[in-house]
PDB file of N, CA and C in Angstrom:
ATOM      1  N   UNK A   1     158.510 224.619  34.112  1.00  0.00           N
ATOM      2  CA  UNK A   1     159.206 225.218  33.275  1.00  0.00           C
ATOM      3  C   UNK A   1     160.171 224.597  33.204  1.00  0.00           C
ATOM      4  N   UNK A   2     160.710 224.380  32.044  1.00  0.00           N
ATOM      5  CA  UNK A   2     161.908 223.240  31.357  1.00  0.00           C
ATOM      6  C   UNK A   2     163.016 224.797  31.977  1.00  0.00           C
ATOM      7  N   UNK A   3     164.288 223.616  32.582  1.00  0.00           N
ATOM      8  CA  UNK A   3     165.545 224.592  33.069  1.00  0.00           C
ATOM      9  C   UNK A   3     166.318 225.362  31.705  1.00  0.00           C
ATOM     10  N   UNK A   4     165.862 225.423  30.651  1.00  0.00           N
ATOM     11  CA  UNK A   4     166.758 226.203  29.740  1.00  0.00           C
ATOM     12  C   UNK A   4     165.811 227.282  29.244  1.00  0.00           C
ATOM     13  N   UNK A   5     164.278 227.498  29.790  1.00  0.00           N
ATOM     14  CA  UNK A   5     163.450 228.413  29.515  1.00  0.00           C
ATOM     15  C   UNK A   5     163.607 229.034  30.815  1.00  0.00           C
ATOM     16  N   UNK A   6     163.700 228.629  32.048  1.00  0.00           N
ATOM     17  CA  UNK A   6     163.875 229.481  33.166  1.00  0.00           C
ATOM     18  C   UNK A   6     165.220 230.062  33.072  1.00  0.00           C
ATOM     19  N   UNK A   7     166.384 229.454  32.548  1.00  0.00           N
ATOM     20  CA  UNK A   7     167.631 230.377  32.456  1.00  0.00           C
ATOM     21  C   UNK A   7     167.564 231.472  31.499  1.00  0.00           C
ATOM     22  N   UNK A   8     166.829 231.303  30.797  1.00  0.00           N
ATOM     23  CA  UNK A   8     166.591 232.402  29.449  1.00  0.00           C
ATOM     24  C   UNK A   8     166.011 233.610  29.692  1.00  0.00           C
ATOM     25  N   UNK A   9     164.982 233.198  30.458  1.00  0.00           N
ATOM     26  CA  UNK A   9     164.304 233.983  31.346  1.00  0.00           C
ATOM     27  C   UNK A   9     164.606 234.574  32.459  1.00  0.00           C
ATOM     28  N   UNK A  10     165.625 234.372  32.844  1.00  0.00           N
ATOM     29  CA  UNK A  10     166.318 234.768  34.174  1.00  0.00           C
ATOM     30  C   UNK A  10     167.178 235.962  33.570  1.00  0.00           C
ATOM     31  N   UNK A  11     168.042 235.182  32.391  1.00  0.00           N
ATOM     32  CA  UNK A  11     168.860 236.050  31.821  1.00  0.00           C
ATOM     33  C   UNK A  11     168.341 237.458  31.174  1.00  0.00           C
ATOM     34  N   UNK A  12     167.036 237.354  30.796  1.00  0.00           N
ATOM     35  CA  UNK A  12     166.424 238.562  30.322  1.00  0.00           C
ATOM     36  C   UNK A  12     166.009 239.671  31.150  1.00  0.00           C
ATOM     37  N   UNK A  13     165.461 238.768  32.547  1.00  0.00           N
ATOM     38  CA  UNK A  13     165.172 239.782  33.249  1.00  0.00           C
ATOM     39  C   UNK A  13     166.277 240.556  33.836  1.00  0.00           C
ATOM     40  N   UNK A  14     167.433 240.164  34.213  1.00  0.00           N
ATOM     41  CA  UNK A  14     168.515 240.412  34.696  1.00  0.00           C
ATOM     42  C   UNK A  14     169.023 241.576  33.694  1.00  0.00           C
ATOM     43  N   UNK A  15     168.996 241.001  32.703  1.00  0.00           N
ATOM     44  CA  UNK A  15     169.547 242.199  31.468  1.00  0.00           C
ATOM     45  C   UNK A  15     168.701 243.668  31.810  1.00  0.00           C
ATOM     46  N   UNK A  16     167.171 243.758  31.935  1.00  0.00           N
ATOM     47  CA  UNK A  16     166.045 244.589  32.309  1.00  0.00           C
ATOM     48  C   UNK A  16     166.331 245.248  33.348  1.00  0.00           C
ATOM     49  N   UNK A  17     166.683 244.428  34.338  1.00  0.00           N
ATOM     50  CA  UNK A  17     167.057 245.217  35.828  1.00  0.00           C
ATOM     51  C   UNK A  17     168.258 245.656  35.909  1.00  0.00           C
ATOM     52  N   UNK A  18     169.180 245.548  35.509  1.00  0.00           N
ATOM     53  CA  UNK A  18     170.599 246.369  35.135  1.00  0.00           C
ATOM     54  C   UNK A  18     170.342 247.472  34.753  1.00  0.00           C
ATOM     55  N   UNK A  19     170.038 247.618  33.003  1.00  0.00           N
ATOM     56  CA  UNK A  19     170.116 248.339  32.212  1.00  0.00           C
ATOM     57  C   UNK A  19     168.842 249.221  32.269  1.00  0.00           C
ATOM     58  N   UNK A  20     167.682 248.687  32.647  1.00  0.00           N
ATOM     59  CA  UNK A  20     166.465 249.492  32.491  1.00  0.00           C
ATOM     60  C   UNK A  20     165.857 249.963  33.631  1.00  0.00           C
ATOM     61  N   UNK A  21     166.467 249.744  34.989  1.00  0.00           N
ATOM     62  CA  UNK A  21     165.643 249.151  36.282  1.00  0.00           C
ATOM     63  C   UNK A  21     164.670 248.951  36.409  1.00  0.00           C
ATOM     64  N   UNK A  22     164.189 248.534  35.963  1.00  0.00           N
ATOM     65  CA  UNK A  22     163.177 247.240  36.133  1.00  0.00           C
ATOM     66  C   UNK A  22     162.907 246.786  37.543  1.00  0.00           C
ATOM     67  N   UNK A  23     161.799 246.478  38.123  1.00  0.00           N
ATOM     68  CA  UNK A  23     161.971 245.820  39.174  1.00  0.00           C
ATOM     69  C   UNK A  23     160.436 245.431  39.778  1.00  0.00           C
ATOM     70  N   UNK A  24     160.526 244.650  40.983  1.00  0.00           N
ATOM     71  CA  UNK A  24     158.912 243.963  40.860  1.00  0.00           C
ATOM     72  C   UNK A  24     158.190 245.099  41.892  1.00  0.00           C
ATOM     73  N   UNK A  25     156.940 245.204  41.980  1.00  0.00           N
ATOM     74  CA  UNK A  25     155.901 244.162  41.177  1.00  0.00           C
ATOM     75  C   UNK A  25     156.418 244.531  39.812  1.00  0.00           C
ATOM     76  N   UNK A  26     156.655 243.650  39.149  1.00  0.00           N
ATOM     77  CA  UNK A  26     156.508 243.401  37.669  1.00  0.00           C
ATOM     78  C   UNK A  26     155.091 244.445  37.228  1.00  0.00           C
ATOM     79  N   UNK A  27     154.940 245.264  36.095  1.00  0.00           N
ATOM     80  CA  UNK A  27     153.670 245.650  36.065  1.00  0.00           C
ATOM     81  C   UNK A  27     153.508 245.249  34.099  1.00  0.00           C
ATOM     82  N   UNK A  28     152.450 244.388  34.211  1.00  0.00           N
ATOM     83  CA  UNK A  28     152.525 243.763  32.714  1.00  0.00           C
ATOM     84  C   UNK A  28     151.103 244.501  32.204  1.00  0.00           C
ATOM     85  N   UNK A  29     150.834 244.899  30.852  1.00  0.00           N
ATOM     86  CA  UNK A  29     149.970 245.392  30.184  1.00  0.00           C
ATOM     87  C   UNK A  29     149.520 244.172  29.370  1.00  0.00           C
ATOM     88  N   UNK A  30     148.336 244.155  29.613  1.00  0.00           N
ATOM     89  CA  UNK A  30     147.609 243.134  28.979  1.00  0.00           C
ATOM     90  C   UNK A  30     146.679 243.814  27.991  1.00  0.00           C
ATOM     91  N   UNK A  31     146.311 243.373  26.911  1.00  0.00           N
ATOM     92  CA  UNK A  31     145.440 243.848  25.855  1.00  0.00           C
ATOM     93  C   UNK A  31     144.049 242.452  25.690  1.00  0.00           C
ATOM     94  N   UNK A  32     143.275 242.802  24.834  1.00  0.00           N
ATOM     95  CA  UNK A  32     142.040 242.205  24.762  1.00  0.00           C
ATOM     96  C   UNK A  32     142.262 240.676  24.137  1.00  0.00           C
ATOM     97  N   UNK A  33     142.923 240.911  22.609  1.00  0.00           N
ATOM     98  CA  UNK A  33     143.662 239.275  22.217  1.00  0.00           C
ATOM     99  C   UNK A  33     144.176 238.570  22.985  1.00  0.00           C
ATOM    100  N   UNK A  34     145.042 238.946  23.690  1.00  0.00           N
ATOM    101  CA  UNK A  34     146.089 238.362  24.493  1.00  0.00           C
ATOM    102  C   UNK A  34     145.336 237.746  25.747  1.00  0.00           C
ATOM    103  N   UNK A  35     144.204 238.126  26.253  1.00  0.00           N
ATOM    104  CA  UNK A  35     143.550 237.583  27.576  1.00  0.00           C
ATOM    105  C   UNK A  35     142.342 236.743  26.558  1.00  0.00           C
ATOM    106  N   UNK A  36     141.839 237.045  25.764  1.00  0.00           N
ATOM    107  CA  UNK A  36     141.025 236.127  24.980  1.00  0.00           C
ATOM    108  C   UNK A  36     141.708 234.713  24.633  1.00  0.00           C
ATOM    109  N   UNK A  37     143.240 234.608  24.178  1.00  0.00           N
ATOM    110  CA  UNK A  37     144.000 233.400  23.650  1.00  0.00           C
ATOM    111  C   UNK A  37     144.210 232.591  25.127  1.00  0.00           C
ATOM    112  N   UNK A  38     144.974 233.469  26.316  1.00  0.00           N
ATOM    113  CA  UNK A  38     144.789 233.002  27.205  1.00  0.00           C
ATOM    114  C   UNK A  38     143.520 232.043  27.759  1.00  0.00           C
ATOM    115  N   UNK A  39     142.205 232.567  27.452  1.00  0.00           N
ATOM    116  CA  UNK A  39     141.044 232.090  28.286  1.00  0.00           C
ATOM    117  C   UNK A  39     140.467 231.081  27.115  1.00  0.00           C
ATOM    118  N   UNK A  40     140.873 231.189  25.600  1.00  0.00           N
ATOM    119  CA  UNK A  40     140.519 229.627  24.852  1.00  0.00           C
ATOM    120  C   UNK A  40     141.844 228.668  25.307  1.00  0.00           C
ATOM    121  N   UNK A  41     143.191 228.923  26.099  1.00  0.00           N
ATOM    122  CA  UNK A  41     143.926 228.074  26.266  1.00  0.00           C
ATOM    123  C   UNK A  41     143.820 227.485  27.487  1.00  0.00           C
ATOM    124  N   UNK A  42     142.715 228.030  28.687  1.00  0.00           N
ATOM    125  CA  UNK A  42     142.412 227.712  29.858  1.00  0.00           C
ATOM    126  C   UNK A  42     143.952 228.120  30.389  1.00  0.00           C
ATOM    127  N   UNK A  43     144.410 228.841  30.626  1.00  0.00           N
ATOM    128  CA  UNK A  43     145.589 229.407  31.122  1.00  0.00           C
ATOM    129  C   UNK A  43     145.531 230.910  32.254  1.00  0.00           C
ATOM    130  N   UNK A  44     145.620 230.303  33.355  1.00  0.00           N
ATOM    131  CA  UNK A  44     145.373 231.161  34.505  1.00  0.00           C
ATOM    132  C   UNK A  44     146.625 231.985  34.378  1.00  0.00           C
ATOM    133  N   UNK A  45     146.518 233.195  34.182  1.00  0.00           N
ATOM    134  CA  UNK A  45     147.571 234.428  34.100  1.00  0.00           C
ATOM    135  C   UNK A  45     147.854 234.728  35.167  1.00  0.00           C
ATOM    136  N   UNK A  46     146.927 234.807  36.234  1.00  0.00           N
ATOM    137  CA  UNK A  46     147.505 235.174  37.618  1.00  0.00           C
ATOM    138  C   UNK A  46     148.433 234.399  38.226  1.00  0.00           C
ATOM    139  N   UNK A  47     148.480 232.923  37.560  1.00  0.00           N
ATOM    140  CA  UNK A  47     149.003 232.075  38.640  1.00  0.00           C
ATOM    141  C   UNK A  47     150.355 231.785  37.775  1.00  0.00           C
ATOM    142  N   UNK A  48     150.382 231.971  36.440  1.00  0.00           N
ATOM    143  CA  UNK A  48     151.386 231.482  35.776  1.00  0.00           C
ATOM    144  C   UNK A  48     152.477 232.694  35.539  1.00  0.00           C
ATOM    145  N   UNK A  49     152.427 233.890  35.498  1.00  0.00           N
ATOM    146  CA  UNK A  49     153.140 234.841  34.870  1.00  0.00           C
ATOM    147  C   UNK A  49     154.049 234.908  35.935  1.00  0.00           C
ATOM    148  N   UNK A  50     153.622 235.290  37.580  1.00  0.00           N
ATOM    149  CA  UNK A  50     154.239 235.357  38.470  1.00  0.00           C
ATOM    150  C   UNK A  50     155.513 234.036  38.618  1.00  0.00           C
ATOM    151  N   UNK A  51     154.981 232.965  38.235  1.00  0.00           N
ATOM    152  CA  UNK A  51     156.163 231.595  37.820  1.00  0.00           C
ATOM    153  C   UNK A  51     157.321 232.179  36.871  1.00  0.00           C
ATOM    154  N   UNK A  52     156.913 232.426  35.797  1.00  0.00           N
ATOM    155  CA  UNK A  52     157.423 232.675  34.630  1.00  0.00           C
ATOM    156  C   UNK A  52     158.629 233.980  35.015  1.00  0.00           C
ATOM    157  N   UNK A  53     158.010 234.828  35.407  1.00  0.00           N
ATOM    158  CA  UNK A  53     158.845 235.730  35.808  1.00  0.00           C
ATOM    159  C   UNK A  53     159.518 235.809  36.976  1.00  0.00           C
ATOM    160  N   UNK A  54     159.320 234.991  37.731  1.00  0.00           N
ATOM    161  CA  UNK A  54     160.329 234.702  38.870  1.00  0.00           C
ATOM    162  C   UNK A  54     159.908 235.701  39.994  1.00  0.00           C
ATOM    163  N   UNK A  55     158.743 236.499  40.138  1.00  0.00           N
ATOM    164  CA  UNK A  55     158.452 237.563  40.893  1.00  0.00           C
ATOM    165  C   UNK A  55     156.844 237.779  41.389  1.00  0.00           C
ATOM    166  N   UNK A  56     156.714 238.913  41.757  1.00  0.00           N
ATOM    167  CA  UNK A  56     155.700 239.678  42.251  1.00  0.00           C
ATOM    168  C   UNK A  56     155.376 240.240  40.490  1.00  0.00           C
ATOM    169  N   UNK A  57     153.808 240.107  40.443  1.00  0.00           N
ATOM    170  CA  UNK A  57     153.382 240.832  39.180  1.00  0.00           C
ATOM    171  C   UNK A  57     152.314 241.583  39.318  1.00  0.00           C
ATOM    172  N   UNK A  58     151.718 242.819  38.558  1.00  0.00           N
ATOM    173  CA  UNK A  58     150.741 243.596  38.613  1.00  0.00           C
ATOM    174  C   UNK A  58     150.217 243.569  37.212  1.00  0.00           C
ATOM    175  N   UNK A  59     148.969 243.076  37.039  1.00  0.00           N
ATOM    176  CA  UNK A  59     148.151 243.006  35.596  1.00  0.00           C
ATOM    177  C   UNK A  59     147.828 244.417  35.555  1.00  0.00           C
ATOM    178  N   UNK A  60     148.085 244.705  34.253  1.00  0.00           N
ATOM    179  CA  UNK A  60     147.114 245.628  34.076  1.00  0.00           C
ATOM    180  C   UNK A  60     146.852 245.990  32.676  1.00  0.00           C
ATOM    181  N   UNK A  61     145.415 246.873  32.423  1.00  0.00           N
ATOM    182  CA  UNK A  61     145.292 246.769  31.153  1.00  0.00           C
ATOM    183  C   UNK A  61     144.564 248.367  30.993  1.00  0.00           C
ATOM    184  N   UNK A  62     144.001 248.856  29.631  1.00  0.00           N
ATOM    185  CA  UNK A  62     144.199 250.332  29.571  1.00  0.00           C
ATOM    186  C   UNK A  62     142.237 250.397  29.326  1.00  0.00           C
ATOM    187  N   UNK A  63     141.972 251.566  29.292  1.00  0.00           N
ATOM    188  CA  UNK A  63     140.327 251.850  29.569  1.00  0.00           C
ATOM    189  C   UNK A  63     139.906 251.496  28.007  1.00  0.00           C
ATOM    190  N   UNK A  64     140.986 251.875  27.072  1.00  0.00           N
ATOM    191  CA  UNK A  64     140.729 251.598  25.617  1.00  0.00           C
ATOM    192  C   UNK A  64     140.661 249.975  25.424  1.00  0.00           C
ATOM    193  N   UNK A  65     141.192 249.250  25.874  1.00  0.00           N
ATOM    194  CA  UNK A  65     141.295 247.488  25.602  1.00  0.00           C
ATOM    195  C   UNK A  65     140.209 247.293  26.566  1.00  0.00           C
ATOM    196  N   UNK A  66     139.690 247.447  27.667  1.00  0.00           N
ATOM    197  CA  UNK A  66     138.448 247.156  28.045  1.00  0.00           C
ATOM    198  C   UNK A  66     137.233 247.234  27.404  1.00  0.00           C
ATOM    199  N   UNK A  67     137.255 248.822  26.570  1.00  0.00           N
ATOM    200  CA  UNK A  67     135.729 248.991  26.076  1.00  0.00           C
ATOM    201  C   UNK A  67     135.872 248.115  24.618  1.00  0.00           C
ATOM    202  N   UNK A  68     137.007 247.963  24.012  1.00  0.00           N
ATOM    203  CA  UNK A  68     137.494 247.089  23.250  1.00  0.00           C
ATOM    204  C   UNK A  68     136.555 245.526  23.364  1.00  0.00           C
ATOM    205  N   UNK A  69     137.146 244.862  24.537  1.00  0.00           N
ATOM    206  CA  UNK A  69     136.792 243.615  24.715  1.00  0.00           C
ATOM    207  C   UNK A  69     135.444 243.364  25.121  1.00  0.00           C
ATOM    208  N   UNK A  70     134.609 244.488  25.661  1.00  0.00           N
ATOM    209  CA  UNK A  70     133.038 244.375  25.848  1.00  0.00           C
ATOM    210  C   UNK A  70     132.429 244.428  24.624  1.00  0.00           C
ATOM    211  N   UNK A  71     133.043 245.516  24.091  1.00  0.00           N
ATOM    212  CA  UNK A  71     132.238 245.261  22.183  1.00  0.00           C
ATOM    213  C   UNK A  71     132.314 244.191  21.169  1.00  0.00           C
ATOM    214  N   UNK A  72     133.647 243.563  21.517  1.00  0.00           N
ATOM    215  CA  UNK A  72     134.114 242.602  20.646  1.00  0.00           C
ATOM    216  C   UNK A  72     133.316 241.167  21.129  1.00  0.00           C
ATOM    217  N   UNK A  73     132.865 240.211  19.595  1.00  0.00           N
ATOM    218  CA  UNK A  73     132.308 239.105  20.535  1.00  0.00           C
ATOM    219  C   UNK A  73     133.109 238.071  20.940  1.00  0.00           C
ATOM    220  N   UNK A  74     133.360 237.166  21.954  1.00  0.00           N
ATOM    221  CA  UNK A  74     133.924 236.423  22.542  1.00  0.00           C
ATOM    222  C   UNK A  74     134.117 235.272  21.378  1.00  0.00           C
ATOM    223  N   UNK A  75     135.651 235.004  20.849  1.00  0.00           N
ATOM    224  CA  UNK A  75     135.953 234.113  19.860  1.00  0.00           C
ATOM    225  C   UNK A  75     135.989 232.659  20.487  1.00  0.00           C
ATOM    226  N   UNK A  76     135.181 231.831  20.177  1.00  0.00           N
ATOM    227  CA  UNK A  76     134.905 229.934  21.114  1.00  0.00           C
ATOM    228  C   UNK A  76     135.942 229.620  19.892  1.00  0.00           C
ATOM    229  N   UNK A  77     136.368 228.166  20.524  1.00  0.00           N
ATOM    230  CA  UNK A  77     137.322 227.396  19.350  1.00  0.00           C
ATOM    231  C   UNK A  77     136.196 226.223  19.750  1.00  0.00           C
ATOM    232  N   UNK A  78     135.093 225.943  18.725  1.00  0.00           N
ATOM    233  CA  UNK A  78     134.108 224.615  18.624  1.00  0.00           C
ATOM    234  C   UNK A  78     134.794 223.459  18.256  1.00  0.00           C
ATOM    235  N   UNK A  79     136.154 223.858  17.702  1.00  0.00           N
ATOM    236  CA  UNK A  79     136.782 222.318  17.219  1.00  0.00           C
ATOM    237  C   UNK A  79     137.153 221.172  18.279  1.00  0.00           C
ATOM    238  N   UNK A  80     136.915 221.461  19.478  1.00  0.00           N
ATOM    239  CA  UNK A  80     136.976 220.296  20.439  1.00  0.00           C
ATOM    240  C   UNK A  80     135.986 219.258  20.674  1.00  0.00           C
TER     241      UNK A  80
END
């Protein structure tokens, strides 16, 4: 991660930590659209999110978003 992006992330995390009491492990709510975009971009969320947030993370989904992903067709990008 670039230094400026890392500084911005650290600054924003510090703000939420001080003002709202957010602490590790960070619980991240994922929806189906975000997961499909990460899959298309070949991004490993379990590896990348802890690096970006500089701490331990816990990935969460809702039962409704899980049902939506199972019923929706997988969008594939055939342009490559």
